[in-house]
Amino acid sequence: MIENLHKNRPVQLVIGLLIGIGFGFFLQKGGVTNYDVIIGQLLLTNFTVLKVIASAVLVGMPGVFLIRHFGYAKKHIVKGSVGSAVVGGLIFGIGFAVLGLCPGTAAGAAGQGSMDALFGGIVGLVAGSGLFAWLYPKLSEGILGYKPLKHETLYELLGVKEAYLIVFCLAAGAIFLYALEYFGI
């Protein structure tokens, strides 16, 4: 059944759309599609965004590991580089600072009816994606390939087993989230 899903592009698009709608729903329910919450995170006065995203990562990390472990999915990691990280970080950071929303929260905010997210966020996402696709051939020959990374994953970089790193991250993340709540941050 999984093999058939991997070959069926229309079904994959529908599954991706449904997962995206679910993701947006949970972002909205978590309060991170609210402009004031996002700005509070950027000003380090409201850590709701950090808590929601860290919780999602901590839940997703063992889930993806188990899905891969049982053979239902494979890694498809594109080799990174220092240049691509810097360019991607700058584009993401500038967009985040100007609009007050990241791509995921912009889609969630547009779904809840925020006009700034619809016109500034979604139109900006489409325009920026188109511009990047247009520039990609030249960028890939230059800055995006600057100083390629030797390792694809964090556990490869650290030289530890993936499962051990996940257990460590779960424990450290739980302590971190508990500390945020304990200190009222």
Foldseek 3Di string as FASTA:
>chain_A
DLVVVVVDVVNVVVVVVVVLVVLLVVCVVLVVLDLVQLVCVVVVNHCSVVLVVLVVCLVVLVVVVVCVVVPSDDDDFDWFFPLQCVVVVVVQVVLCVVQVDGQSSLVSNVVVPDPSSVCVNPVVVVVVVVVCVVCVVVCVVPRRPHGIDPDRDPCVVVVHDSVVVSVVSNVVSVVVSVVCVVVVD
